[in-house]
C-alpha atoms as a PDB file:
ATOM      1  CA  MET A   1      13.793 -11.327  22.382  1.00  0.00           C
ATOM      2  CA  THR A   2      10.375 -12.879  21.801  1.00  0.00           C
ATOM      3  CA  GLU A   3       9.350 -12.681  18.168  1.00  0.00           C
ATOM      4  CA  ALA A   4       6.003 -11.212  17.231  1.00  0.00           C
ATOM      5  CA  PRO A   5       3.503 -13.964  16.480  1.00  0.00           C
ATOM      6  CA  ARG A   6       2.968 -14.887  12.879  1.00  0.00           C
ATOM      7  CA  GLN A   7      -0.329 -13.980  11.292  1.00  0.00           C
ATOM      8  CA  SER A   8      -2.811 -16.656  10.372  1.00  0.00           C
ATOM      9  CA  GLY A   9      -4.523 -16.978   7.007  1.00  0.00           C
ATOM     10  CA  TYR A  10      -7.201 -14.455   8.025  1.00  0.00           C
ATOM     11  CA  ARG A  11      -7.252 -11.219   6.037  1.00  0.00           C
ATOM     12  CA  PRO A  12      -9.375  -8.175   6.913  1.00  0.00           C
ATOM     13  CA  GLY A  13     -12.083  -7.323   4.388  1.00  0.00           C
ATOM     14  CA  TYR A  14     -10.597  -3.908   3.604  1.00  0.00           C
ATOM     15  CA  GLU A  15      -7.252  -5.524   2.741  1.00  0.00           C
ATOM     16  CA  VAL A  16      -8.887  -7.953   0.315  1.00  0.00           C
ATOM     17  CA  ALA A  17     -10.960  -5.103  -1.146  1.00  0.00           C
ATOM     18  CA  ALA A  18      -7.844  -2.974  -1.675  1.00  0.00           C
ATOM     19  CA  GLU A  19      -6.307  -5.802  -3.671  1.00  0.00           C
ATOM     20  CA  GLN A  20      -9.510  -6.237  -5.690  1.00  0.00           C
ATOM     21  CA  VAL A  21      -9.727  -2.510  -6.462  1.00  0.00           C
ATOM     22  CA  LEU A  22      -6.172  -2.573  -7.843  1.00  0.00           C
ATOM     23  CA  GLU A  23      -7.076  -5.550  -9.996  1.00  0.00           C
ATOM     24  CA  LEU A  24     -10.188  -3.727 -11.203  1.00  0.00           C
ATOM     25  CA  ILE A  25      -8.114  -0.683 -12.213  1.00  0.00           C
ATOM     26  CA  VAL A  26      -6.019  -2.945 -14.446  1.00  0.00           C
ATOM     27  CA  LYS A  27      -9.054  -4.819 -15.778  1.00  0.00           C
ATOM     28  CA  LEU A  28     -10.765  -1.550 -16.760  1.00  0.00           C
ATOM     29  CA  GLY A  29      -7.610  -0.265 -18.423  1.00  0.00           C
ATOM     30  CA  LEU A  30      -7.523   2.872 -16.285  1.00  0.00           C
ATOM     31  CA  ARG A  31      -4.441   5.053 -16.516  1.00  0.00           C
ATOM     32  CA  PRO A  32      -2.969   7.605 -14.076  1.00  0.00           C
ATOM     33  CA  GLY A  33      -5.343  10.563 -13.885  1.00  0.00           C
ATOM     34  CA  ASP A  34      -8.397   8.573 -15.053  1.00  0.00           C
ATOM     35  CA  ARG A  35     -11.590   8.805 -13.023  1.00  0.00           C
ATOM     36  CA  MET A  36     -12.552   5.626 -11.177  1.00  0.00           C
ATOM     37  CA  PRO A  37     -16.001   4.194 -10.410  1.00  0.00           C
ATOM     38  CA  THR A  38     -17.708   5.572  -7.312  1.00  0.00           C
ATOM     39  CA  GLU A  39     -17.336   3.873  -3.929  1.00  0.00           C
ATOM     40  CA  LEU A  40     -20.843   2.457  -4.361  1.00  0.00           C
ATOM     41  CA  GLU A  41     -20.008   1.055  -7.794  1.00  0.00           C
ATOM     42  CA  LEU A  42     -16.683  -0.326  -6.552  1.00  0.00           C
ATOM     43  CA  ALA A  43     -18.515  -2.046  -3.701  1.00  0.00           C
ATOM     44  CA  ARG A  44     -20.906  -3.623  -6.192  1.00  0.00           C
ATOM     45  CA  GLN A  45     -18.117  -4.781  -8.508  1.00  0.00           C
ATOM     46  CA  VAL A  46     -15.931  -6.310  -5.801  1.00  0.00           C
ATOM     47  CA  GLY A  47     -18.875  -7.717  -3.877  1.00  0.00           C
ATOM     48  CA  THR A  48     -18.530  -5.979  -0.538  1.00  0.00           C
ATOM     49  CA  SER A  49     -19.997  -3.062   1.409  1.00  0.00           C
ATOM     50  CA  ARG A  50     -19.375   0.618   0.739  1.00  0.00           C
ATOM     51  CA  THR A  51     -17.893   0.944   4.238  1.00  0.00           C
ATOM     52  CA  VAL A  52     -15.267  -1.715   3.478  1.00  0.00           C
ATOM     53  CA  VAL A  53     -14.475  -0.075   0.137  1.00  0.00           C
ATOM     54  CA  ARG A  54     -14.049   3.285   1.865  1.00  0.00           C
ATOM     55  CA  GLU A  55     -11.418   1.745   4.175  1.00  0.00           C
ATOM     56  CA  ALA A  56      -9.716   0.105   1.193  1.00  0.00           C
ATOM     57  CA  VAL A  57      -9.601   3.459  -0.601  1.00  0.00           C
ATOM     58  CA  LYS A  58      -7.919   5.018   2.453  1.00  0.00           C
ATOM     59  CA  ILE A  59      -5.166   2.377   2.244  1.00  0.00           C
ATOM     60  CA  LEU A  60      -4.718   2.887  -1.482  1.00  0.00           C
ATOM     61  CA  SER A  61      -4.628   6.667  -1.034  1.00  0.00           C
ATOM     62  CA  ALA A  62      -1.916   6.318   1.618  1.00  0.00           C
ATOM     63  CA  LEU A  63       0.065   4.112  -0.763  1.00  0.00           C
ATOM     64  CA  GLY A  64      -0.233   6.676  -3.560  1.00  0.00           C
ATOM     65  CA  ARG A  65      -2.340   4.477  -5.859  1.00  0.00           C
ATOM     66  CA  VAL A  66      -5.672   6.316  -5.626  1.00  0.00           C
ATOM     67  CA  ARG A  67      -6.454  10.028  -5.286  1.00  0.00           C
ATOM     68  CA  ALA A  68      -9.744  11.172  -3.749  1.00  0.00           C
ATOM     69  CA  GLN A  69     -10.954  14.650  -4.767  1.00  0.00           C
ATOM     70  CA  LYS A  70     -13.665  16.111  -2.566  1.00  0.00           C
ATOM     71  CA  GLY A  71     -16.845  16.552  -4.549  1.00  0.00           C
ATOM     72  CA  ARG A  72     -15.301  15.094  -7.704  1.00  0.00           C
ATOM     73  CA  GLY A  73     -14.740  11.416  -6.942  1.00  0.00           C
ATOM     74  CA  LEU A  74     -11.866   8.944  -7.104  1.00  0.00           C
ATOM     75  CA  TYR A  75      -8.986   8.972  -9.570  1.00  0.00           C
ATOM     76  CA  VAL A  76      -6.059   6.721 -10.383  1.00  0.00           C
ATOM     77  CA  ALA A  77      -3.162   8.646  -8.851  1.00  0.00           C
ATOM     78  CA  ASP A  78      -0.874  10.371 -11.323  1.00  0.00           C
ATOM     79  CA  ASP A  79       2.067  10.018  -8.945  1.00  0.00           C
ATOM     80  CA  GLU A  80       5.133  11.981 -10.002  1.00  0.00           C
ATOM     81  CA  GLY A  81       7.430   9.239  -8.717  1.00  0.00           C
ATOM     82  CA  MET A  82       9.770   7.482 -11.089  1.00  0.00           C
ATOM     83  CA  PHE A  83       7.386   4.577 -11.563  1.00  0.00           C
ATOM     84  CA  GLY A  84       4.078   6.196 -10.649  1.00  0.00           C
ATOM     85  CA  THR A  85       3.385   7.793 -14.015  1.00  0.00           C
ATOM     86  CA  GLY A  86       4.921   5.054 -16.128  1.00  0.00           C
ATOM     87  CA  ARG A  87       3.633   1.755 -17.390  1.00  0.00           C
ATOM     88  CA  TRP A  88       4.901  -0.299 -14.465  1.00  0.00           C
ATOM     89  CA  GLY A  89       3.490   1.942 -11.735  1.00  0.00           C
ATOM     90  CA  ALA A  90       0.062   1.793 -13.335  1.00  0.00           C
ATOM     91  CA  PHE A  91       0.112  -1.982 -13.705  1.00  0.00           C
ATOM     92  CA  PHE A  92       2.095  -3.128 -10.666  1.00  0.00           C
ATOM     93  CA  LEU A  93      -0.107  -5.375  -8.547  1.00  0.00           C
ATOM     94  CA  PRO A  94       1.242  -5.913  -5.013  1.00  0.00           C
ATOM     95  CA  THR A  95      -0.314  -9.365  -4.858  1.00  0.00           C
ATOM     96  CA  ASP A  96       0.778 -10.580  -8.308  1.00  0.00           C
ATOM     97  CA  LEU A  97       3.735 -12.822  -7.443  1.00  0.00           C
ATOM     98  CA  ASP A  98       5.300 -12.433 -10.880  1.00  0.00           C
ATOM     99  CA  HIS A  99       5.319  -8.652 -10.399  1.00  0.00           C
ATOM    100  CA  VAL A 100       6.748  -8.954  -6.894  1.00  0.00           C
ATOM    101  CA  TYR A 101       9.503 -11.366  -7.938  1.00  0.00           C
ATOM    102  CA  MET A 102      10.479  -9.158 -10.887  1.00  0.00           C
ATOM    103  CA  LEU A 103      10.661  -6.230  -8.495  1.00  0.00           C
ATOM    104  CA  PHE A 104      13.014  -8.171  -6.205  1.00  0.00           C
ATOM    105  CA  GLU A 105      15.171  -9.001  -9.216  1.00  0.00           C
ATOM    106  CA  PHE A 106      15.279  -5.327 -10.147  1.00  0.00           C
ATOM    107  CA  ARG A 107      16.065  -4.292  -6.560  1.00  0.00           C
ATOM    108  CA  ARG A 108      18.949  -6.776  -6.427  1.00  0.00           C
ATOM    109  CA  THR A 109      20.606  -5.103  -9.414  1.00  0.00           C
ATOM    110  CA  GLN A 110      20.011  -1.629  -7.982  1.00  0.00           C
ATOM    111  CA  GLU A 111      21.221  -2.351  -4.475  1.00  0.00           C
ATOM    112  CA  MET A 112      24.335  -4.136  -5.686  1.00  0.00           C
ATOM    113  CA  GLU A 113      25.346  -1.116  -7.752  1.00  0.00           C
ATOM    114  CA  THR A 114      24.527   1.490  -5.101  1.00  0.00           C
ATOM    115  CA  SER A 115      26.599  -0.479  -2.568  1.00  0.00           C
ATOM    116  CA  ARG A 116      29.428  -0.898  -5.054  1.00  0.00           C
ATOM    117  CA  LEU A 117      29.505   2.834  -5.812  1.00  0.00           C
ATOM    118  CA  ALA A 118      29.099   3.766  -2.132  1.00  0.00           C
ATOM    119  CA  ALA A 119      32.247   1.754  -1.338  1.00  0.00           C
ATOM    120  CA  ARG A 120      34.118   3.951  -3.814  1.00  0.00           C
ATOM    121  CA  ARG A 121      32.487   7.308  -3.122  1.00  0.00           C
ATOM    122  CA  ALA A 122      31.097   7.524   0.423  1.00  0.00           C
ATOM    123  CA  THR A 123      32.234  10.535   2.435  1.00  0.00           C
ATOM    124  CA  PRO A 124      32.928  10.258   6.189  1.00  0.00           C
ATOM    125  CA  ALA A 125      29.556  11.926   6.909  1.00  0.00           C
ATOM    126  CA  GLU A 126      27.770   9.453   4.626  1.00  0.00           C
ATOM    127  CA  LEU A 127      29.522   6.512   6.274  1.00  0.00           C
ATOM    128  CA  LYS A 128      28.326   7.800   9.639  1.00  0.00           C
ATOM    129  CA  ALA A 129      24.741   8.057   8.336  1.00  0.00           C
ATOM    130  CA  ILE A 130      24.881   4.440   7.098  1.00  0.00           C
ATOM    131  CA  GLU A 131      26.294   3.241  10.411  1.00  0.00           C
ATOM    132  CA  GLU A 132      23.674   5.135  12.451  1.00  0.00           C
ATOM    133  CA  ALA A 133      20.827   3.749  10.314  1.00  0.00           C
ATOM    134  CA  ALA A 134      22.128   0.190  10.765  1.00  0.00           C
ATOM    135  CA  GLY A 135      22.266   0.798  14.526  1.00  0.00           C
ATOM    136  CA  ARG A 136      18.702   2.109  14.579  1.00  0.00           C
ATOM    137  CA  CYS A 137      17.554  -1.031  12.768  1.00  0.00           C
ATOM    138  CA  ARG A 138      19.343  -3.207  15.342  1.00  0.00           C
ATOM    139  CA  ARG A 139      17.760  -1.321  18.260  1.00  0.00           C
ATOM    140  CA  GLY A 140      14.333  -1.766  16.683  1.00  0.00           C
ATOM    141  CA  PHE A 141      14.892  -5.502  16.425  1.00  0.00           C
ATOM    142  CA  GLU A 142      16.325  -5.913  19.914  1.00  0.00           C
ATOM    143  CA  THR A 143      13.475  -3.956  21.530  1.00  0.00           C
ATOM    144  CA  GLY A 144      10.731  -5.491  19.392  1.00  0.00           C
ATOM    145  CA  ARG A 145       9.801  -2.077  17.988  1.00  0.00           C
ATOM    146  CA  GLU A 146       8.665  -2.626  14.422  1.00  0.00           C
ATOM    147  CA  ASP A 147       8.358   1.117  13.783  1.00  0.00           C
ATOM    148  CA  LEU A 148      11.994   1.732  14.759  1.00  0.00           C
ATOM    149  CA  PHE A 149      13.184  -1.292  12.784  1.00  0.00           C
ATOM    150  CA  ASN A 150      11.363  -0.112   9.642  1.00  0.00           C
ATOM    151  CA  GLU A 151      12.574   3.455  10.130  1.00  0.00           C
ATOM    152  CA  GLY A 152      16.153   2.210  10.393  1.00  0.00           C
ATOM    153  CA  ASP A 153      15.714  -0.076   7.380  1.00  0.00           C
ATOM    154  CA  ASP A 154      14.468   2.782   5.194  1.00  0.00           C
ATOM    155  CA  ALA A 155      17.202   5.099   6.463  1.00  0.00           C
ATOM    156  CA  PHE A 156      19.880   2.477   5.794  1.00  0.00           C
ATOM    157  CA  HIS A 157      18.971   1.845   2.161  1.00  0.00           C
ATOM    158  CA  ASN A 158      18.468   5.553   1.559  1.00  0.00           C
ATOM    159  CA  ALA A 159      21.863   6.366   3.093  1.00  0.00           C
ATOM    160  CA  VAL A 160      23.648   3.784   0.939  1.00  0.00           C
ATOM    161  CA  ALA A 161      21.895   5.130  -2.164  1.00  0.00           C
ATOM    162  CA  THR A 162      22.876   8.684  -1.206  1.00  0.00           C
ATOM    163  CA  ALA A 163      26.503   7.593  -0.816  1.00  0.00           C
ATOM    164  CA  SER A 164      26.476   6.201  -4.368  1.00  0.00           C
ATOM    165  CA  HIS A 165      26.382   9.824  -5.600  1.00  0.00           C
ATOM    166  CA  ASN A 166      24.094   8.766  -8.451  1.00  0.00           C
ATOM    167  CA  MET A 167      20.762  10.570  -8.307  1.00  0.00           C
ATOM    168  CA  PHE A 168      19.065   8.156 -10.703  1.00  0.00           C
ATOM    169  CA  LEU A 169      19.988   5.138  -8.605  1.00  0.00           C
ATOM    170  CA  HIS A 170      18.944   7.033  -5.483  1.00  0.00           C
ATOM    171  CA  VAL A 171      15.467   7.751  -6.857  1.00  0.00           C
ATOM    172  CA  GLY A 172      15.202   4.237  -8.288  1.00  0.00           C
ATOM    173  CA  VAL A 173      15.981   2.578  -4.948  1.00  0.00           C
ATOM    174  CA  ARG A 174      13.437   4.754  -3.152  1.00  0.00           C
ATOM    175  CA  GLU A 175      10.677   4.064  -5.667  1.00  0.00           C
ATOM    176  CA  ALA A 176      11.334   0.316  -5.906  1.00  0.00           C
ATOM    177  CA  ARG A 177      11.167   0.081  -2.104  1.00  0.00           C
ATOM    178  CA  ARG A 178       7.896   2.033  -2.167  1.00  0.00           C
ATOM    179  CA  LEU A 179       6.370  -0.482  -4.572  1.00  0.00           C
ATOM    180  CA  GLN A 180       7.667  -3.389  -2.493  1.00  0.00           C
ATOM    181  CA  ALA A 181       6.110  -1.857   0.618  1.00  0.00           C
ATOM    182  CA  GLN A 182       2.738  -2.018  -1.109  1.00  0.00           C
ATOM    183  CA  SER A 183       3.012  -5.792  -1.461  1.00  0.00           C
ATOM    184  CA  SER A 184       3.786  -6.061   2.261  1.00  0.00           C
ATOM    185  CA  ILE A 185       1.029  -3.702   3.427  1.00  0.00           C
ATOM    186  CA  ILE A 186      -1.717  -5.134   1.223  1.00  0.00           C
ATOM    187  CA  GLY A 187      -0.642  -8.730   0.720  1.00  0.00           C
ATOM    188  CA  LEU A 188       1.212  -9.552   3.923  1.00  0.00           C
ATOM    189  CA  HIS A 189       1.382  -8.523   7.554  1.00  0.00           C
ATOM    190  CA  GLY A 190       4.927  -7.451   8.504  1.00  0.00           C
ATOM    191  CA  SER A 191       6.345  -8.210  11.929  1.00  0.00           C
ATOM    192  CA  VAL A 192       9.632  -7.791  13.743  1.00  0.00           C
ATOM    193  CA  GLY A 193      11.000 -11.306  13.588  1.00  0.00           C
ATOM    194  CA  GLY A 194      11.464 -13.672  10.660  1.00  0.00           C
ATOM    195  CA  HIS A 195      14.237 -12.206   8.529  1.00  0.00           C
ATOM    196  CA  ALA A 196      14.730  -9.200  10.845  1.00  0.00           C
ATOM    197  CA  ALA A 197      17.564 -10.843  12.803  1.00  0.00           C
ATOM    198  CA  LYS A 198      19.446 -11.700   9.607  1.00  0.00           C
ATOM    199  CA  ALA A 199      18.688  -8.286   8.107  1.00  0.00           C
ATOM    200  CA  VAL A 200      20.423  -6.588  11.028  1.00  0.00           C
ATOM    201  CA  GLU A 201      23.588  -8.624  10.412  1.00  0.00           C
ATOM    202  CA  GLU A 202      23.347  -8.154   6.645  1.00  0.00           C
ATOM    203  CA  HIS A 203      23.086  -4.371   7.001  1.00  0.00           C
ATOM    204  CA  GLU A 204      26.217  -4.381   9.120  1.00  0.00           C
ATOM    205  CA  ALA A 205      28.062  -6.545   6.569  1.00  0.00           C
ATOM    206  CA  ILE A 206      27.165  -4.071   3.818  1.00  0.00           C
ATOM    207  CA  TYR A 207      28.312  -1.174   5.983  1.00  0.00           C
ATOM    208  CA  GLU A 208      31.633  -2.839   6.863  1.00  0.00           C
ATOM    209  CA  ALA A 209      32.384  -3.532   3.185  1.00  0.00           C
ATOM    210  CA  ILE A 210      31.548   0.054   2.229  1.00  0.00           C
ATOM    211  CA  ARG A 211      33.688   1.388   5.111  1.00  0.00           C
ATOM    212  CA  ALA A 212      36.565  -0.848   3.987  1.00  0.00           C
ATOM    213  CA  GLY A 213      36.285   0.578   0.468  1.00  0.00           C
ATOM    214  CA  ASP A 214      35.703  -2.883  -1.038  1.00  0.00           C
ATOM    215  CA  PRO A 215      33.194  -2.433  -3.908  1.00  0.00           C
ATOM    216  CA  GLU A 216      32.769  -6.115  -4.790  1.00  0.00           C
ATOM    217  CA  ALA A 217      32.352  -7.241  -1.184  1.00  0.00           C
ATOM    218  CA  ALA A 218      29.755  -4.494  -0.709  1.00  0.00           C
ATOM    219  CA  ALA A 219      27.880  -5.552  -3.853  1.00  0.00           C
ATOM    220  CA  GLN A 220      27.916  -9.221  -2.787  1.00  0.00           C
ATOM    221  CA  ALA A 221      26.696  -8.340   0.713  1.00  0.00           C
ATOM    222  CA  ALA A 222      23.846  -6.339  -0.818  1.00  0.00           C
ATOM    223  CA  ALA A 223      22.931  -9.249  -3.129  1.00  0.00           C
ATOM    224  CA  THR A 224      22.871 -11.636  -0.164  1.00  0.00           C
ATOM    225  CA  HIS A 225      20.590  -9.242   1.715  1.00  0.00           C
ATOM    226  CA  ILE A 226      18.065  -8.993  -1.131  1.00  0.00           C
ATOM    227  CA  ASP A 227      18.196 -12.750  -1.800  1.00  0.00           C
ATOM    228  CA  ASN A 228      17.469 -13.530   1.852  1.00  0.00           C
ATOM    229  CA  THR A 229      14.673 -10.958   1.949  1.00  0.00           C
ATOM    230  CA  LEU A 230      13.116 -12.663  -1.083  1.00  0.00           C
ATOM    231  CA  ASP A 231      13.459 -16.084   0.555  1.00  0.00           C
ATOM    232  CA  ASP A 232      11.661 -14.731   3.614  1.00  0.00           C
ATOM    233  CA  TYR A 233       8.899 -13.306   1.422  1.00  0.00           C
ATOM    234  CA  ARG A 234       8.472 -16.699  -0.258  1.00  0.00           C
ATOM    235  CA  ARG A 235       8.179 -18.403   3.140  1.00  0.00           C
ATOM    236  CA  GLU A 236       5.502 -15.899   4.164  1.00  0.00           C
ATOM    237  CA  ILE A 237       3.590 -16.611   0.962  1.00  0.00           C
ATOM    238  CA  GLN A 238       3.800 -20.362   1.561  1.00  0.00           C
ATOM    239  CA  GLN A 239       2.577 -19.902   5.113  1.00  0.00           C
ATOM    240  CA  ARG A 240      -0.394 -17.863   3.889  1.00  0.00           C
ATOM    241  CA  LEU A 241      -1.253 -20.398   1.200  1.00  0.00           C
ATOM    242  CA  PHE A 242      -1.186 -23.345   3.580  1.00  0.00           C
ATOM    243  CA  SER A 243      -2.567 -21.709   6.722  1.00  0.00           C
ATOM    244  CA  SER A 244      -6.054 -22.575   7.832  1.00  0.00           C
ATOM    245  CA  PRO A 245      -8.492 -19.629   7.519  1.00  0.00           C
END
């Protein structure tokens, strides 16, 4: 399979503006539910056009960070997710590397425990769901379909969390992945390639350990998966930093 080409250092204006708006929310001390400056004022403060800000707001709305109310203006979203209404959701910046690395560290702990518990508790139906999600991820990689790969990736981690039979871990995994997705959408351009080939094999290693009922092997396979994902993220960051504009 031919890998999708890597992105250069170029970033669209709306992507940069989205990042700047998030930073402005923190700088102004705005909390979930607080009213934000108007699009015109945001454009002035971040130094771009209102059109670019409007596109940035669309991205942030889709990510659940901003809520637009017709006729009333823009508000910091008071997301009901586990992290959306709390301190971290309000202050998580997808392009702050310290935040992103802490999130990976948190995900590592979560995913190790969900995999460990899944190896002890997964039902036959849950094992089948994990296996099918891993297969969907592989098909996405082999066909170069990023949408199918991402769909399978989400389904896989969700299925493992479901099989842990711990609703708090299940919600935590989902919300941590949602925050991580923000750093990829705003700060990086994802592509099928890079770590995707390893991820396919790592998913299958996690599944095999869960199917074998080996909690520690499952936890270690999950840790390896998160560690390699973080390594790939670091390489992407280095490429962005040293790429020519």
